[in-house]
C-alpha atoms as a PDB file:
ATOM      1  CA  MET A   1      28.906 -53.405-121.758  1.00  0.00           C
ATOM      2  CA  LYS A   2      26.626 -56.430-121.660  1.00  0.00           C
ATOM      3  CA  ASN A   3      27.971 -59.743-122.896  1.00  0.00           C
ATOM      4  CA  PHE A   4      26.250 -62.047-125.359  1.00  0.00           C
ATOM      5  CA  VAL A   5      26.713 -65.791-125.362  1.00  0.00           C
ATOM      6  CA  ASN A   6      25.370 -68.788-127.196  1.00  0.00           C
ATOM      7  CA  THR A   7      22.435 -70.440-125.475  1.00  0.00           C
ATOM      8  CA  GLY A   8      24.768 -73.194-124.288  1.00  0.00           C
ATOM      9  CA  ILE A   9      23.502 -75.869-126.616  1.00  0.00           C
ATOM     10  CA  MET A  10      26.640 -76.821-128.488  1.00  0.00           C
ATOM     11  CA  PRO A  11      27.292 -79.639-130.940  1.00  0.00           C
ATOM     12  CA  ASP A  12      29.908 -82.323-130.442  1.00  0.00           C
ATOM     13  CA  SER A  13      33.119 -82.324-132.522  1.00  0.00           C
ATOM     14  CA  ASP A  14      31.230 -83.841-135.489  1.00  0.00           C
ATOM     15  CA  GLY A  15      28.517 -81.173-135.400  1.00  0.00           C
ATOM     16  CA  TYR A  16      25.799 -83.300-133.816  1.00  0.00           C
ATOM     17  CA  PHE A  17      23.326 -82.332-131.099  1.00  0.00           C
ATOM     18  CA  GLY A  18      22.737 -85.814-129.730  1.00  0.00           C
ATOM     19  CA  LYS A  19      21.375 -87.882-132.594  1.00  0.00           C
ATOM     20  CA  PHE A  20      20.473 -84.767-134.616  1.00  0.00           C
ATOM     21  CA  GLY A  21      22.492 -82.380-136.755  1.00  0.00           C
ATOM     22  CA  GLY A  22      25.815 -82.925-138.362  1.00  0.00           C
ATOM     23  CA  LYS A  23      27.852 -81.106-140.944  1.00  0.00           C
ATOM     24  CA  PHE A  24      26.251 -80.748-144.312  1.00  0.00           C
ATOM     25  CA  LEU A  25      29.034 -79.419-146.487  1.00  0.00           C
ATOM     26  CA  PRO A  26      31.471 -80.873-148.991  1.00  0.00           C
ATOM     27  CA  SER A  27      34.473 -82.536-147.355  1.00  0.00           C
ATOM     28  CA  ASN A  28      36.856 -80.240-149.253  1.00  0.00           C
ATOM     29  CA  LEU A  29      35.496 -77.341-147.143  1.00  0.00           C
ATOM     30  CA  ASP A  30      36.203 -79.015-143.788  1.00  0.00           C
ATOM     31  CA  ASP A  31      39.634 -77.397-143.376  1.00  0.00           C
ATOM     32  CA  GLU A  32      38.324 -73.915-144.197  1.00  0.00           C
ATOM     33  CA  PHE A  33      35.386 -74.204-141.799  1.00  0.00           C
ATOM     34  CA  ARG A  34      37.738 -75.509-139.098  1.00  0.00           C
ATOM     35  CA  LYS A  35      39.935 -72.409-139.615  1.00  0.00           C
ATOM     36  CA  ILE A  36      36.900 -70.129-139.405  1.00  0.00           C
ATOM     37  CA  PHE A  37      35.759 -71.820-136.183  1.00  0.00           C
ATOM     38  CA  GLU A  38      39.247 -71.666-134.618  1.00  0.00           C
ATOM     39  CA  ASN A  39      39.519 -67.968-135.442  1.00  0.00           C
ATOM     40  CA  PHE A  40      36.076 -67.330-133.967  1.00  0.00           C
ATOM     41  CA  LEU A  41      37.163 -69.017-130.739  1.00  0.00           C
ATOM     42  CA  LYS A  42      40.146 -66.639-130.591  1.00  0.00           C
ATOM     43  CA  LEU A  43      38.140 -63.536-131.490  1.00  0.00           C
ATOM     44  CA  LYS A  44      35.162 -64.100-129.224  1.00  0.00           C
ATOM     45  CA  GLU A  45      37.174 -62.889-126.221  1.00  0.00           C
ATOM     46  CA  ASN A  46      38.493 -59.799-128.040  1.00  0.00           C
ATOM     47  CA  ASP A  47      36.974 -56.564-126.696  1.00  0.00           C
ATOM     48  CA  GLU A  48      36.746 -54.971-130.156  1.00  0.00           C
ATOM     49  CA  PHE A  49      34.967 -58.053-131.525  1.00  0.00           C
ATOM     50  CA  LYS A  50      32.572 -58.157-128.571  1.00  0.00           C
ATOM     51  CA  SER A  51      31.813 -54.462-128.988  1.00  0.00           C
ATOM     52  CA  GLU A  52      31.012 -54.925-132.691  1.00  0.00           C
ATOM     53  CA  LEU A  53      28.874 -57.995-131.939  1.00  0.00           C
ATOM     54  CA  HIS A  54      27.002 -56.037-129.272  1.00  0.00           C
ATOM     55  CA  ARG A  55      26.367 -53.187-131.732  1.00  0.00           C
ATOM     56  CA  LEU A  56      25.103 -55.596-134.401  1.00  0.00           C
ATOM     57  CA  LEU A  57      22.838 -57.380-131.941  1.00  0.00           C
ATOM     58  CA  ARG A  58      21.514 -54.071-130.627  1.00  0.00           C
ATOM     59  CA  ASP A  59      20.891 -52.585-134.078  1.00  0.00           C
ATOM     60  CA  TYR A  60      19.686 -55.619-136.021  1.00  0.00           C
ATOM     61  CA  VAL A  61      18.011 -58.056-133.616  1.00  0.00           C
ATOM     62  CA  GLY A  62      14.579 -57.484-132.146  1.00  0.00           C
ATOM     63  CA  ARG A  63      12.097 -54.766-132.935  1.00  0.00           C
ATOM     64  CA  PRO A  64      12.200 -52.107-134.039  1.00  0.00           C
ATOM     65  CA  SER A  65      15.385 -52.317-136.073  1.00  0.00           C
ATOM     66  CA  PRO A  66      16.850 -48.996-137.188  1.00  0.00           C
ATOM     67  CA  ILE A  67      17.194 -47.785-140.720  1.00  0.00           C
ATOM     68  CA  TYR A  68      20.700 -47.769-142.166  1.00  0.00           C
ATOM     69  CA  HIS A  69      22.159 -44.888-144.177  1.00  0.00           C
ATOM     70  CA  ALA A  70      23.686 -46.523-147.262  1.00  0.00           C
ATOM     71  CA  LYS A  71      26.466 -43.975-147.762  1.00  0.00           C
ATOM     72  CA  ASN A  72      28.136 -45.623-150.751  1.00  0.00           C
ATOM     73  CA  LEU A  73      24.865 -46.190-152.629  1.00  0.00           C
ATOM     74  CA  SER A  74      23.750 -42.643-151.788  1.00  0.00           C
ATOM     75  CA  LYS A  75      26.966 -41.271-153.234  1.00  0.00           C
ATOM     76  CA  LYS A  76      26.766 -43.487-156.325  1.00  0.00           C
ATOM     77  CA  TYR A  77      23.190 -42.455-157.161  1.00  0.00           C
ATOM     78  CA  GLY A  78      23.379 -38.834-156.000  1.00  0.00           C
ATOM     79  CA  THR A  79      20.657 -39.129-153.373  1.00  0.00           C
ATOM     80  CA  GLN A  80      20.210 -40.090-149.744  1.00  0.00           C
ATOM     81  CA  LEU A  81      19.321 -43.771-149.539  1.00  0.00           C
ATOM     82  CA  TYR A  82      18.242 -45.489-146.326  1.00  0.00           C
ATOM     83  CA  LEU A  83      17.637 -49.219-145.906  1.00  0.00           C
ATOM     84  CA  LYS A  84      15.865 -51.242-143.243  1.00  0.00           C
ATOM     85  CA  ARG A  85      18.065 -54.332-142.997  1.00  0.00           C
ATOM     86  CA  GLU A  86      15.640 -57.027-141.845  1.00  0.00           C
ATOM     87  CA  ASP A  87      17.703 -59.587-143.788  1.00  0.00           C
ATOM     88  CA  LEU A  88      20.506 -59.371-141.216  1.00  0.00           C
ATOM     89  CA  ILE A  89      18.395 -60.722-138.348  1.00  0.00           C
ATOM     90  CA  ARG A  90      18.174 -64.395-139.362  1.00  0.00           C
ATOM     91  CA  ASN A  91      20.269 -66.841-137.278  1.00  0.00           C
ATOM     92  CA  ILE A  92      21.721 -64.344-134.825  1.00  0.00           C
ATOM     93  CA  GLN A  93      18.677 -64.833-132.548  1.00  0.00           C
ATOM     94  CA  LYS A  94      20.334 -67.858-130.936  1.00  0.00           C
ATOM     95  CA  PHE A  95      22.407 -65.445-128.836  1.00  0.00           C
ATOM     96  CA  LYS A  96      21.061 -64.125-125.578  1.00  0.00           C
ATOM     97  CA  LYS A  97      22.076 -61.429-123.107  1.00  0.00           C
ATOM     98  CA  ILE A  98      23.605 -62.363-119.788  1.00  0.00           C
END
């Protein structure tokens, strides 16, 4: 399996990239975002997490992206519904293959 990593450009502890950037969120969310970040750091080395990330990158980044069978919506509306999930591509493009 190929690994995916951030491009290596990481912010400092206050979220800045040199003189640019920073955290733009209410201070009452700092603790929750810190917890999310700490859990990501733990999970990023997990094989199951890496496998799911690889699948998402493969299926939703780049062209062409596959169509997705929306099983629950298909069942609800009594038809076969397929979606092309271009909305999932957004910020994930900062990852690259190594």
